Protein backbone atom coordinates (compact mmCIF):
# COMPACT_ATOMS: atom_id res chain seq x y z
CA MET A 1 -20.55 18.35 1.68
CA LYS A 2 -24.00 17.68 3.03
CA LEU A 3 -26.39 20.57 2.61
CA ASN A 4 -30.07 20.26 3.48
CA GLY A 5 -29.70 16.48 3.69
CA GLU A 6 -28.20 16.30 0.19
CA MET A 7 -24.81 14.82 -0.61
CA LYS A 8 -22.72 17.50 -2.28
CA MET A 9 -19.28 15.94 -2.66
CA ASP A 10 -18.17 12.84 -4.53
CA ALA A 11 -15.25 10.60 -3.60
CA ILE A 12 -13.62 8.38 -6.20
CA LEU A 13 -12.08 5.38 -4.43
CA ILE A 14 -9.58 3.10 -6.15
CA HIS A 15 -8.03 -0.02 -4.66
CA GLY A 16 -4.52 -1.41 -4.89
CA MET A 17 -3.16 -4.24 -7.02
CA GLY A 18 -4.56 -7.68 -6.28
CA ARG A 19 -7.62 -6.24 -4.53
CA THR A 20 -11.17 -5.44 -5.57
CA PRO A 21 -13.41 -2.45 -4.93
CA ALA A 22 -14.61 -4.30 -1.82
CA ALA A 23 -11.29 -3.36 -0.20
CA MET A 24 -12.51 0.24 -0.08
CA SER A 25 -16.03 -0.55 1.17
CA ILE A 26 -15.44 0.32 4.85
CA LEU A 27 -14.01 3.70 3.87
CA ALA A 28 -16.94 4.18 1.48
CA ALA A 29 -19.43 3.52 4.29
CA ARG A 30 -17.68 5.99 6.60
CA LEU A 31 -17.58 8.68 3.93
CA ARG A 32 -21.29 8.14 3.22
CA MET A 33 -22.02 8.77 6.93
CA PHE A 34 -20.50 12.23 6.52
CA GLY A 35 -22.45 13.12 3.41
CA ILE A 36 -19.79 12.24 0.86
CA ARG A 37 -20.98 10.08 -2.03
CA PRO A 38 -18.39 7.33 -2.76
CA HIS A 39 -17.80 5.76 -6.17
CA LEU A 40 -15.70 2.59 -6.28
CA PHE A 41 -13.54 2.02 -9.36
CA GLY A 42 -12.32 -1.49 -10.08
CA TYR A 43 -9.57 -2.71 -12.37
CA SER A 44 -7.52 -5.85 -12.98
CA VAL A 45 -3.81 -5.76 -13.82
CA THR A 46 -4.15 -9.31 -15.11
CA PHE A 47 -6.88 -8.71 -17.67
CA GLU A 48 -6.54 -5.04 -18.61
CA GLN A 49 -3.99 -3.02 -20.56
CA TRP A 50 -2.58 0.07 -18.80
CA ASP A 51 -3.69 2.67 -21.38
CA GLU A 52 -7.17 1.16 -21.66
CA CYS A 53 -7.49 1.21 -17.88
CA ILE A 54 -6.42 4.88 -17.73
CA GLN A 55 -9.03 5.80 -20.35
CA ARG A 56 -11.74 3.84 -18.55
CA TYR A 57 -10.77 5.45 -15.22
CA LYS A 58 -10.82 8.93 -16.81
CA ASN A 59 -14.31 8.29 -18.18
CA PHE A 60 -15.41 6.94 -14.79
CA ILE A 61 -14.23 10.07 -12.97
CA GLU A 62 -15.67 12.50 -15.51
CA LYS A 63 -19.05 10.77 -15.52
CA ARG A 64 -19.41 10.71 -11.74
CA ALA A 65 -17.90 14.07 -10.88
CA GLN A 66 -19.41 16.22 -13.61
CA THR A 67 -21.11 18.86 -11.52
CA ASN A 68 -19.90 18.27 -7.95
CA ASP A 69 -16.72 18.85 -6.03
CA TYR A 70 -14.81 15.61 -5.68
CA ILE A 71 -11.84 13.96 -4.04
CA ILE A 72 -9.86 10.92 -5.16
CA VAL A 73 -8.56 8.39 -2.66
CA GLY A 74 -6.21 5.74 -3.97
CA HIS A 75 -4.29 2.89 -2.41
CA SER A 76 -0.97 1.61 -3.75
CA LEU A 77 -1.23 0.95 -7.50
CA GLY A 78 -4.57 2.76 -7.47
CA THR A 79 -2.66 5.93 -6.63
CA VAL A 80 -0.19 5.32 -9.47
CA LEU A 81 -3.13 4.85 -11.84
CA THR A 82 -4.67 8.07 -10.49
CA ARG A 83 -1.47 10.04 -11.09
CA ALA A 84 -1.35 8.76 -14.68
CA THR A 85 -5.00 9.73 -15.22
CA LEU A 86 -5.09 13.20 -13.64
CA PRO A 87 -3.35 15.05 -16.51
CA ARG A 88 -5.98 13.70 -18.93
CA LEU A 89 -9.01 14.98 -16.99
CA THR A 90 -10.90 17.94 -18.42
CA HIS A 91 -11.90 19.29 -14.97
């Protein structure tokens, strides 16, 4: 949430298979307008192993959402990756 002009919520955005983080850029811009700080996570099913991607995604989320409230928005395979990662998060 935006409080005193400060962004107080983070949004982790993850694209679907065959896309790039750019696919979530319009949503990111709209969230930013409402005081939500977007973070775009990118992955490649061609060049990355599933377990390594989950670990990298977990680290990405924990680094960016350490002290703030956050939401995760996934599309297609990004949502599947999110569901595989959620049980491994510490917060």
